[in-house]
Amino acid sequence: MPSITQPAAPCHTPADPGEEILLGVDTHKDFHAAAVVTVLGAALDGRTFPATTEGYRQLVAWARSFGALRRAGVECTGSYGAALARLLRAEGIEVTEVNQP
């Protein structure tokens, strides 16, 4: 049975500029893995960013390049995701805690 190959790098597929998009972030000590999806759940892109203030700013700018970012789901907002959650809230983005399984 033939296998389907996946592209090596995700494609940047922006939504309509006014369309709301959602951000999801899997937090880690040294980096955060982020994904942007439409409100209907279509994946637009995903990538990792350093877990630093500059990395958080890059993450937000990247996510906003897809559409209107108003909501984000962030894992571990009490530990590894705390600083990112603060920055997102300061940017006017509603943050929802995502629990680990």
PDB file of N, CA and C in Angstrom:
ATOM      1  N   MET A   1       0.847  -1.174   0.000  1.00  0.00           N
ATOM      2  CA  MET A   1       0.000   0.000   0.000  1.00  0.00           C
ATOM      3  C   MET A   1       0.892   1.235   0.000  1.00  0.00           C
ATOM      4  N   PRO A   2       0.697   2.168  -0.938  1.00  0.00           N
ATOM      5  CA  PRO A   2       1.546   3.369  -0.987  1.00  0.00           C
ATOM      6  C   PRO A   2       1.243   4.294   0.182  1.00  0.00           C
ATOM      7  N   SER A   3       2.263   5.000   0.628  1.00  0.00           N
ATOM      8  CA  SER A   3       2.066   5.950   1.720  1.00  0.00           C
ATOM      9  C   SER A   3       1.989   7.371   1.163  1.00  0.00           C
ATOM     10  N   ILE A   4       1.319   8.201   1.897  1.00  0.00           N
ATOM     11  CA  ILE A   4       1.195   9.607   1.514  1.00  0.00           C
ATOM     12  C   ILE A   4       2.272  10.380   2.248  1.00  0.00           C
ATOM     13  N   THR A   5       3.094  11.091   1.530  1.00  0.00           N
ATOM     14  CA  THR A   5       4.158  11.864   2.162  1.00  0.00           C
ATOM     15  C   THR A   5       3.627  13.224   2.599  1.00  0.00           C
ATOM     16  N   GLN A   6       4.148  13.696   3.687  1.00  0.00           N
ATOM     17  CA  GLN A   6       3.787  15.005   4.213  1.00  0.00           C
ATOM     18  C   GLN A   6       4.872  16.004   3.826  1.00  0.00           C
ATOM     19  N   PRO A   7       4.496  17.270   3.586  1.00  0.00           N
ATOM     20  CA  PRO A   7       5.516  18.273   3.274  1.00  0.00           C
ATOM     21  C   PRO A   7       6.472  18.445   4.444  1.00  0.00           C
ATOM     22  N   ALA A   8       7.725  18.740   4.151  1.00  0.00           N
ATOM     23  CA  ALA A   8       8.733  18.915   5.188  1.00  0.00           C
ATOM     24  C   ALA A   8       8.471  20.149   6.043  1.00  0.00           C
ATOM     25  N   ALA A   9       7.954  21.194   5.443  1.00  0.00           N
ATOM     26  CA  ALA A   9       7.673  22.431   6.180  1.00  0.00           C
ATOM     27  C   ALA A   9       6.209  22.807   5.974  1.00  0.00           C
ATOM     28  N   PRO A  10       5.543  23.267   7.047  1.00  0.00           N
ATOM     29  CA  PRO A  10       4.139  23.646   6.888  1.00  0.00           C
ATOM     30  C   PRO A  10       3.985  24.851   5.962  1.00  0.00           C
ATOM     31  N   CYS A  11       2.852  24.918   5.299  1.00  0.00           N
ATOM     32  CA  CYS A  11       2.557  26.046   4.421  1.00  0.00           C
ATOM     33  C   CYS A  11       1.856  27.143   5.205  1.00  0.00           C
ATOM     34  N   HIS A  12       2.200  28.353   4.927  1.00  0.00           N
ATOM     35  CA  HIS A  12       1.521  29.489   5.537  1.00  0.00           C
ATOM     36  C   HIS A  12       0.277  29.767   4.696  1.00  0.00           C
ATOM     37  N   THR A  13      -0.882  29.402   5.227  1.00  0.00           N
ATOM     38  CA  THR A  13      -2.143  29.577   4.524  1.00  0.00           C
ATOM     39  C   THR A  13      -2.983  30.577   5.289  1.00  0.00           C
ATOM     40  N   PRO A  14      -2.896  31.855   4.979  1.00  0.00           N
ATOM     41  CA  PRO A  14      -3.654  32.839   5.751  1.00  0.00           C
ATOM     42  C   PRO A  14      -5.154  32.713   5.514  1.00  0.00           C
ATOM     43  N   ALA A  15      -5.911  33.016   6.563  1.00  0.00           N
ATOM     44  CA  ALA A  15      -7.355  33.114   6.436  1.00  0.00           C
ATOM     45  C   ALA A  15      -7.657  34.501   5.883  1.00  0.00           C
ATOM     46  N   ASP A  16      -8.925  34.804   5.653  1.00  0.00           N
ATOM     47  CA  ASP A  16      -9.290  36.168   5.267  1.00  0.00           C
ATOM     48  C   ASP A  16      -8.861  37.104   6.394  1.00  0.00           C
ATOM     49  N   PRO A  17      -8.371  38.303   6.080  1.00  0.00           N
ATOM     50  CA  PRO A  17      -7.831  39.195   7.112  1.00  0.00           C
ATOM     51  C   PRO A  17      -8.770  39.441   8.300  1.00  0.00           C
ATOM     52  N   GLY A  18     -10.071  39.513   8.058  1.00  0.00           N
ATOM     53  CA  GLY A  18     -11.002  39.763   9.153  1.00  0.00           C
ATOM     54  C   GLY A  18     -11.521  38.505   9.811  1.00  0.00           C
ATOM     55  N   GLU A  19     -11.173  37.327   9.251  1.00  0.00           N
ATOM     56  CA  GLU A  19     -11.664  36.067   9.794  1.00  0.00           C
ATOM     57  C   GLU A  19     -10.962  35.742  11.109  1.00  0.00           C
ATOM     58  N   GLU A  20     -11.741  35.320  12.082  1.00  0.00           N
ATOM     59  CA  GLU A  20     -11.160  34.958  13.376  1.00  0.00           C
ATOM     60  C   GLU A  20     -10.437  33.631  13.251  1.00  0.00           C
ATOM     61  N   ILE A  21      -9.272  33.562  13.856  1.00  0.00           N
ATOM     62  CA  ILE A  21      -8.499  32.332  13.920  1.00  0.00           C
ATOM     63  C   ILE A  21      -8.253  32.017  15.391  1.00  0.00           C
ATOM     64  N   LEU A  22      -7.886  30.790  15.668  1.00  0.00           N
ATOM     65  CA  LEU A  22      -7.611  30.344  17.029  1.00  0.00           C
ATOM     66  C   LEU A  22      -6.163  29.883  17.129  1.00  0.00           C
ATOM     67  N   LEU A  23      -5.559  30.150  18.273  1.00  0.00           N
ATOM     68  CA  LEU A  23      -4.180  29.752  18.538  1.00  0.00           C
ATOM     69  C   LEU A  23      -4.183  28.683  19.617  1.00  0.00           C
ATOM     70  N   GLY A  24      -3.421  27.629  19.399  1.00  0.00           N
ATOM     71  CA  GLY A  24      -3.219  26.606  20.419  1.00  0.00           C
ATOM     72  C   GLY A  24      -1.733  26.475  20.683  1.00  0.00           C
ATOM     73  N   VAL A  25      -1.348  26.378  21.969  1.00  0.00           N
ATOM     74  CA  VAL A  25       0.070  26.325  22.297  1.00  0.00           C
ATOM     75  C   VAL A  25       0.350  25.188  23.282  1.00  0.00           C
ATOM     76  N   ASP A  26       1.268  24.315  22.897  1.00  0.00           N
ATOM     77  CA  ASP A  26       1.784  23.243  23.745  1.00  0.00           C
ATOM     78  C   ASP A  26       3.097  23.770  24.317  1.00  0.00           C
ATOM     79  N   THR A  27       3.124  24.011  25.624  1.00  0.00           N
ATOM     80  CA  THR A  27       4.276  24.675  26.225  1.00  0.00           C
ATOM     81  C   THR A  27       5.315  23.672  26.725  1.00  0.00           C
ATOM     82  N   HIS A  28       6.574  24.088  26.651  1.00  0.00           N
ATOM     83  CA  HIS A  28       7.713  23.309  27.132  1.00  0.00           C
ATOM     84  C   HIS A  28       8.695  24.283  27.781  1.00  0.00           C
ATOM     85  N   LYS A  29       9.673  23.751  28.454  1.00  0.00           N
ATOM     86  CA  LYS A  29      10.641  24.592  29.156  1.00  0.00           C
ATOM     87  C   LYS A  29      11.390  25.550  28.226  1.00  0.00           C
ATOM     88  N   ASP A  30      11.915  25.049  27.118  1.00  0.00           N
ATOM     89  CA  ASP A  30      12.766  25.854  26.243  1.00  0.00           C
ATOM     90  C   ASP A  30      12.095  26.358  24.976  1.00  0.00           C
ATOM     91  N   PHE A  31      10.967  25.772  24.604  1.00  0.00           N
ATOM     92  CA  PHE A  31      10.265  26.201  23.402  1.00  0.00           C
ATOM     93  C   PHE A  31       8.773  25.923  23.567  1.00  0.00           C
ATOM     94  N   HIS A  32       7.973  26.574  22.746  1.00  0.00           N
ATOM     95  CA  HIS A  32       6.527  26.346  22.715  1.00  0.00           C
ATOM     96  C   HIS A  32       6.143  25.968  21.285  1.00  0.00           C
ATOM     97  N   ALA A  33       5.319  24.934  21.151  1.00  0.00           N
ATOM     98  CA  ALA A  33       4.813  24.506  19.852  1.00  0.00           C
ATOM     99  C   ALA A  33       3.435  25.126  19.667  1.00  0.00           C
ATOM    100  N   ALA A  34       3.259  25.901  18.601  1.00  0.00           N
ATOM    101  CA  ALA A  34       2.016  26.634  18.368  1.00  0.00           C
ATOM    102  C   ALA A  34       1.358  26.164  17.078  1.00  0.00           C
ATOM    103  N   ALA A  35       0.033  26.223  17.078  1.00  0.00           N
ATOM    104  CA  ALA A  35      -0.744  25.886  15.884  1.00  0.00           C
ATOM    105  C   ALA A  35      -1.849  26.917  15.726  1.00  0.00           C
ATOM    106  N   VAL A  36      -2.144  27.261  14.489  1.00  0.00           N
ATOM    107  CA  VAL A  36      -3.228  28.190  14.174  1.00  0.00           C
ATOM    108  C   VAL A  36      -4.266  27.429  13.363  1.00  0.00           C
ATOM    109  N   VAL A  37      -5.533  27.556  13.785  1.00  0.00           N
ATOM    110  CA  VAL A  37      -6.637  26.907  13.086  1.00  0.00           C
ATOM    111  C   VAL A  37      -7.756  27.914  12.872  1.00  0.00           C
ATOM    112  N   THR A  38      -8.624  27.623  11.914  1.00  0.00           N
ATOM    113  CA  THR A  38      -9.820  28.444  11.734  1.00  0.00           C
ATOM    114  C   THR A  38     -10.815  28.070  12.828  1.00  0.00           C
ATOM    115  N   VAL A  39     -11.875  28.864  12.993  1.00  0.00           N
ATOM    116  CA  VAL A  39     -12.885  28.538  14.002  1.00  0.00           C
ATOM    117  C   VAL A  39     -13.640  27.263  13.635  1.00  0.00           C
ATOM    118  N   LEU A  40     -13.534  26.819  12.397  1.00  0.00           N
ATOM    119  CA  LEU A  40     -14.142  25.558  11.981  1.00  0.00           C
ATOM    120  C   LEU A  40     -13.184  24.376  12.146  1.00  0.00           C
ATOM    121  N   GLY A  41     -11.954  24.660  12.598  1.00  0.00           N
ATOM    122  CA  GLY A  41     -10.996  23.603  12.890  1.00  0.00           C
ATOM    123  C   GLY A  41     -10.021  23.252  11.788  1.00  0.00           C
ATOM    124  N   ALA A  42     -10.022  23.988  10.693  1.00  0.00           N
ATOM    125  CA  ALA A  42      -9.061  23.724   9.620  1.00  0.00           C
ATOM    126  C   ALA A  42      -7.677  24.229  10.032  1.00  0.00           C
ATOM    127  N   ALA A  43      -6.688  23.348   9.990  1.00  0.00           N
ATOM    128  CA  ALA A  43      -5.320  23.722  10.357  1.00  0.00           C
ATOM    129  C   ALA A  43      -4.726  24.647   9.298  1.00  0.00           C
ATOM    130  N   LEU A  44      -4.140  25.753   9.753  1.00  0.00           N
ATOM    131  CA  LEU A  44      -3.506  26.707   8.845  1.00  0.00           C
ATOM    132  C   LEU A  44      -1.988  26.576   8.856  1.00  0.00           C
ATOM    133  N   ASP A  45      -1.396  26.392  10.049  1.00  0.00           N
ATOM    134  CA  ASP A  45       0.064  26.276  10.142  1.00  0.00           C
ATOM    135  C   ASP A  45       0.429  25.913  11.573  1.00  0.00           C
ATOM    136  N   GLY A  46       1.651  25.473  11.753  1.00  0.00           N
ATOM    137  CA  GLY A  46       2.190  25.172  13.071  1.00  0.00           C
ATOM    138  C   GLY A  46       3.685  25.332  13.058  1.00  0.00           C
ATOM    139  N   ARG A  47       4.239  25.780  14.169  1.00  0.00           N
ATOM    140  CA  ARG A  47       5.693  25.899  14.290  1.00  0.00           C
ATOM    141  C   ARG A  47       6.077  26.098  15.743  1.00  0.00           C
ATOM    142  N   THR A  48       7.368  26.077  16.029  1.00  0.00           N
ATOM    143  CA  THR A  48       7.847  26.255  17.392  1.00  0.00           C
ATOM    144  C   THR A  48       8.533  27.609  17.537  1.00  0.00           C
ATOM    145  N   PHE A  49       8.513  28.104  18.771  1.00  0.00           N
ATOM    146  CA  PHE A  49       9.117  29.388  19.101  1.00  0.00           C
ATOM    147  C   PHE A  49       9.876  29.246  20.416  1.00  0.00           C
ATOM    148  N   PRO A  50      10.963  30.002  20.596  1.00  0.00           N
ATOM    149  CA  PRO A  50      11.689  29.956  21.861  1.00  0.00           C
ATOM    150  C   PRO A  50      10.796  30.440  23.006  1.00  0.00           C
ATOM    151  N   ALA A  51      10.980  29.852  24.177  1.00  0.00           N
ATOM    152  CA  ALA A  51      10.223  30.253  25.363  1.00  0.00           C
ATOM    153  C   ALA A  51      10.908  31.458  26.018  1.00  0.00           C
ATOM    154  N   THR A  52      10.915  32.564  25.271  1.00  0.00           N
ATOM    155  CA  THR A  52      11.511  33.823  25.728  1.00  0.00           C
ATOM    156  C   THR A  52      10.541  34.948  25.394  1.00  0.00           C
ATOM    157  N   THR A  53      10.760  36.114  25.957  1.00  0.00           N
ATOM    158  CA  THR A  53       9.902  37.254  25.654  1.00  0.00           C
ATOM    159  C   THR A  53       9.880  37.542  24.160  1.00  0.00           C
ATOM    160  N   GLU A  54      11.032  37.530  23.528  1.00  0.00           N
ATOM    161  CA  GLU A  54      11.091  37.766  22.082  1.00  0.00           C
ATOM    162  C   GLU A  54      10.392  36.646  21.322  1.00  0.00           C
ATOM    163  N   GLY A  55      10.557  35.409  21.764  1.00  0.00           N
ATOM    164  CA  GLY A  55       9.874  34.289  21.136  1.00  0.00           C
ATOM    165  C   GLY A  55       8.361  34.423  21.235  1.00  0.00           C
ATOM    166  N   TYR A  56       7.861  34.918  22.381  1.00  0.00           N
ATOM    167  CA  TYR A  56       6.416  35.121  22.549  1.00  0.00           C
ATOM    168  C   TYR A  56       5.916  36.198  21.588  1.00  0.00           C
ATOM    169  N   ARG A  57       6.687  37.259  21.436  1.00  0.00           N
ATOM    170  CA  ARG A  57       6.293  38.323  20.504  1.00  0.00           C
ATOM    171  C   ARG A  57       6.255  37.813  19.067  1.00  0.00           C
ATOM    172  N   GLN A  58       7.243  37.006  18.714  1.00  0.00           N
ATOM    173  CA  GLN A  58       7.270  36.408  17.370  1.00  0.00           C
ATOM    174  C   GLN A  58       6.074  35.486  17.175  1.00  0.00           C
ATOM    175  N   LEU A  59       5.730  34.719  18.196  1.00  0.00           N
ATOM    176  CA  LEU A  59       4.597  33.800  18.129  1.00  0.00           C
ATOM    177  C   LEU A  59       3.300  34.569  17.864  1.00  0.00           C
ATOM    178  N   VAL A  60       3.085  35.656  18.607  1.00  0.00           N
ATOM    179  CA  VAL A  60       1.857  36.451  18.438  1.00  0.00           C
ATOM    180  C   VAL A  60       1.817  37.090  17.045  1.00  0.00           C
ATOM    181  N   ALA A  61       2.923  37.656  16.599  1.00  0.00           N
ATOM    182  CA  ALA A  61       2.961  38.277  15.271  1.00  0.00           C
ATOM    183  C   ALA A  61       2.684  37.232  14.190  1.00  0.00           C
ATOM    184  N   TRP A  62       3.285  36.057  14.328  1.00  0.00           N
ATOM    185  CA  TRP A  62       3.065  34.978  13.372  1.00  0.00           C
ATOM    186  C   TRP A  62       1.591  34.578  13.342  1.00  0.00           C
ATOM    187  N   ALA A  63       1.006  34.372  14.526  1.00  0.00           N
ATOM    188  CA  ALA A  63      -0.404  33.959  14.598  1.00  0.00           C
ATOM    189  C   ALA A  63      -1.320  35.022  13.990  1.00  0.00           C
ATOM    190  N   ARG A  64      -1.044  36.274  14.268  1.00  0.00           N
ATOM    191  CA  ARG A  64      -1.887  37.361  13.742  1.00  0.00           C
ATOM    192  C   ARG A  64      -1.765  37.503  12.223  1.00  0.00           C
ATOM    193  N   SER A  65      -0.716  36.964  11.638  1.00  0.00           N
ATOM    194  CA  SER A  65      -0.570  37.054  10.185  1.00  0.00           C
ATOM    195  C   SER A  65      -1.609  36.203   9.455  1.00  0.00           C
ATOM    196  N   PHE A  66      -2.341  35.360  10.188  1.00  0.00           N
ATOM    197  CA  PHE A  66      -3.354  34.492   9.589  1.00  0.00           C
ATOM    198  C   PHE A  66      -4.750  35.087   9.636  1.00  0.00           C
ATOM    199  N   GLY A  67      -4.999  36.043  10.507  1.00  0.00           N
ATOM    200  CA  GLY A  67      -6.339  36.604  10.655  1.00  0.00           C
ATOM    201  C   GLY A  67      -6.484  37.279  12.013  1.00  0.00           C
ATOM    202  N   ALA A  68      -7.732  37.447  12.441  1.00  0.00           N
ATOM    203  CA  ALA A  68      -8.032  38.132  13.703  1.00  0.00           C
ATOM    204  C   ALA A  68      -7.861  37.152  14.862  1.00  0.00           C
ATOM    205  N   LEU A  69      -6.851  37.392  15.695  1.00  0.00           N
ATOM    206  CA  LEU A  69      -6.556  36.526  16.835  1.00  0.00           C
ATOM    207  C   LEU A  69      -7.193  37.114  18.092  1.00  0.00           C
ATOM    208  N   ARG A  70      -8.238  36.448  18.585  1.00  0.00           N
ATOM    209  CA  ARG A  70      -8.943  36.918  19.787  1.00  0.00           C
ATOM    210  C   ARG A  70      -8.896  35.909  20.921  1.00  0.00           C
ATOM    211  N   ARG A  71      -8.632  34.626  20.580  1.00  0.00           N
ATOM    212  CA  ARG A  71      -8.663  33.570  21.586  1.00  0.00           C
ATOM    213  C   ARG A  71      -7.502  32.602  21.398  1.00  0.00           C
ATOM    214  N   ALA A  72      -6.998  32.109  22.536  1.00  0.00           N
ATOM    215  CA  ALA A  72      -5.903  31.141  22.502  1.00  0.00           C
ATOM    216  C   ALA A  72      -6.105  30.103  23.593  1.00  0.00           C
ATOM    217  N   GLY A  73      -5.773  28.872  23.281  1.00  0.00           N
ATOM    218  CA  GLY A  73      -5.718  27.804  24.269  1.00  0.00           C
ATOM    219  C   GLY A  73      -4.264  27.540  24.574  1.00  0.00           C
ATOM    220  N   VAL A  74      -3.892  27.640  25.855  1.00  0.00           N
ATOM    221  CA  VAL A  74      -2.487  27.495  26.241  1.00  0.00           C
ATOM    222  C   VAL A  74      -2.385  26.432  27.331  1.00  0.00           C
ATOM    223  N   GLU A  75      -1.475  25.499  27.139  1.00  0.00           N
ATOM    224  CA  GLU A  75      -1.228  24.455  28.123  1.00  0.00           C
ATOM    225  C   GLU A  75      -0.369  25.012  29.259  1.00  0.00           C
ATOM    226  N   CYS A  76      -0.638  24.573  30.470  1.00  0.00           N
ATOM    227  CA  CYS A  76       0.194  24.875  31.654  1.00  0.00           C
ATOM    228  C   CYS A  76       0.364  26.372  31.915  1.00  0.00           C
ATOM    229  N   THR A  77      -0.743  27.108  31.997  1.00  0.00           N
ATOM    230  CA  THR A  77      -0.638  28.549  32.230  1.00  0.00           C
ATOM    231  C   THR A  77      -0.126  28.877  33.627  1.00  0.00           C
ATOM    232  N   GLY A  78      -0.024  27.893  34.492  1.00  0.00           N
ATOM    233  CA  GLY A  78       0.514  28.123  35.830  1.00  0.00           C
ATOM    234  C   GLY A  78       1.995  27.829  35.934  1.00  0.00           C
ATOM    235  N   SER A  79       2.592  27.284  34.865  1.00  0.00           N
ATOM    236  CA  SER A  79       4.022  26.983  34.921  1.00  0.00           C
ATOM    237  C   SER A  79       4.697  27.421  33.616  1.00  0.00           C
ATOM    238  N   TYR A  80       4.998  26.486  32.709  1.00  0.00           N
ATOM    239  CA  TYR A  80       5.728  26.831  31.485  1.00  0.00           C
ATOM    240  C   TYR A  80       4.996  27.845  30.610  1.00  0.00           C
ATOM    241  N   GLY A  81       3.688  27.888  30.670  1.00  0.00           N
ATOM    242  CA  GLY A  81       2.921  28.808  29.835  1.00  0.00           C
ATOM    243  C   GLY A  81       2.526  30.107  30.520  1.00  0.00           C
ATOM    244  N   ALA A  82       2.969  30.327  31.747  1.00  0.00           N
ATOM    245  CA  ALA A  82       2.540  31.501  32.516  1.00  0.00           C
ATOM    246  C   ALA A  82       2.931  32.824  31.854  1.00  0.00           C
ATOM    247  N   ALA A  83       4.168  32.962  31.453  1.00  0.00           N
ATOM    248  CA  ALA A  83       4.628  34.226  30.857  1.00  0.00           C
ATOM    249  C   ALA A  83       3.936  34.479  29.520  1.00  0.00           C
ATOM    250  N   LEU A  84       3.761  33.430  28.727  1.00  0.00           N
ATOM    251  CA  LEU A  84       3.060  33.582  27.453  1.00  0.00           C
ATOM    252  C   LEU A  84       1.611  33.985  27.687  1.00  0.00           C
ATOM    253  N   ALA A  85       0.952  33.360  28.656  1.00  0.00           N
ATOM    254  CA  ALA A  85      -0.441  33.701  28.957  1.00  0.00           C
ATOM    255  C   ALA A  85      -0.569  35.165  29.373  1.00  0.00           C
ATOM    256  N   ARG A  86       0.364  35.660  30.172  1.00  0.00           N
ATOM    257  CA  ARG A  86       0.346  37.084  30.575  1.00  0.00           C
ATOM    258  C   ARG A  86       0.482  37.995  29.371  1.00  0.00           C
ATOM    259  N   LEU A  87       1.421  37.667  28.464  1.00  0.00           N
ATOM    260  CA  LEU A  87       1.617  38.499  27.277  1.00  0.00           C
ATOM    261  C   LEU A  87       0.377  38.475  26.384  1.00  0.00           C
ATOM    262  N   LEU A  88      -0.217  37.307  26.184  1.00  0.00           N
ATOM    263  CA  LEU A  88      -1.419  37.213  25.357  1.00  0.00           C
ATOM    264  C   LEU A  88      -2.546  38.054  25.943  1.00  0.00           C
ATOM    265  N   ARG A  89      -2.752  37.965  27.256  1.00  0.00           N
ATOM    266  CA  ARG A  89      -3.804  38.757  27.903  1.00  0.00           C
ATOM    267  C   ARG A  89      -3.522  40.245  27.769  1.00  0.00           C
ATOM    268  N   ALA A  90      -2.262  40.640  27.901  1.00  0.00           N
ATOM    269  CA  ALA A  90      -1.897  42.055  27.744  1.00  0.00           C
ATOM    270  C   ALA A  90      -2.173  42.534  26.323  1.00  0.00           C
ATOM    271  N   GLU A  91      -2.144  41.613  25.353  1.00  0.00           N
ATOM    272  CA  GLU A  91      -2.435  41.938  23.951  1.00  0.00           C
ATOM    273  C   GLU A  91      -3.933  41.898  23.654  1.00  0.00           C
ATOM    274  N   GLY A  92      -4.758  41.654  24.690  1.00  0.00           N
ATOM    275  CA  GLY A  92      -6.203  41.619  24.506  1.00  0.00           C
ATOM    276  C   GLY A  92      -6.728  40.295  23.975  1.00  0.00           C
ATOM    277  N   ILE A  93      -5.953  39.250  24.111  1.00  0.00           N
ATOM    278  CA  ILE A  93      -6.330  37.919  23.635  1.00  0.00           C
ATOM    279  C   ILE A  93      -6.837  37.103  24.813  1.00  0.00           C
ATOM    280  N   GLU A  94      -8.030  36.538  24.688  1.00  0.00           N
ATOM    281  CA  GLU A  94      -8.615  35.690  25.727  1.00  0.00           C
ATOM    282  C   GLU A  94      -7.841  34.381  25.777  1.00  0.00           C
ATOM    283  N   VAL A  95      -7.398  33.997  26.988  1.00  0.00           N
ATOM    284  CA  VAL A  95      -6.607  32.782  27.153  1.00  0.00           C
ATOM    285  C   VAL A  95      -7.423  31.745  27.924  1.00  0.00           C
ATOM    286  N   THR A  96      -7.481  30.539  27.376  1.00  0.00           N
ATOM    287  CA  THR A  96      -8.128  29.409  28.024  1.00  0.00           C
ATOM    288  C   THR A  96      -7.073  28.400  28.393  1.00  0.00           C
ATOM    289  N   GLU A  97      -7.077  27.970  29.671  1.00  0.00           N
ATOM    290  CA  GLU A  97      -6.138  26.939  30.138  1.00  0.00           C
ATOM    291  C   GLU A  97      -6.498  25.612  29.489  1.00  0.00           C
ATOM    292  N   VAL A  98      -5.512  24.932  28.935  1.00  0.00           N
ATOM    293  CA  VAL A  98      -5.699  23.606  28.367  1.00  0.00           C
ATOM    294  C   VAL A  98      -4.957  22.635  29.269  1.00  0.00           C
ATOM    295  N   ASN A  99      -5.684  21.699  29.856  1.00  0.00           N
ATOM    296  CA  ASN A  99      -5.090  20.730  30.770  1.00  0.00           C
ATOM    297  C   ASN A  99      -4.368  19.635  30.016  1.00  0.00           C
ATOM    298  N   GLN A 100      -3.291  19.149  30.617  1.00  0.00           N
ATOM    299  CA  GLN A 100      -2.570  18.012  30.049  1.00  0.00           C
ATOM    300  C   GLN A 100      -3.429  16.763  30.229  1.00  0.00           C
ATOM    301  N   PRO A 101      -3.327  15.801  29.320  1.00  0.00           N
ATOM    302  CA  PRO A 101      -4.112  14.557  29.489  1.00  0.00           C
ATOM    303  C   PRO A 101      -3.611  13.750  30.678  1.00  0.00           C
TER     304      PRO A 101
END
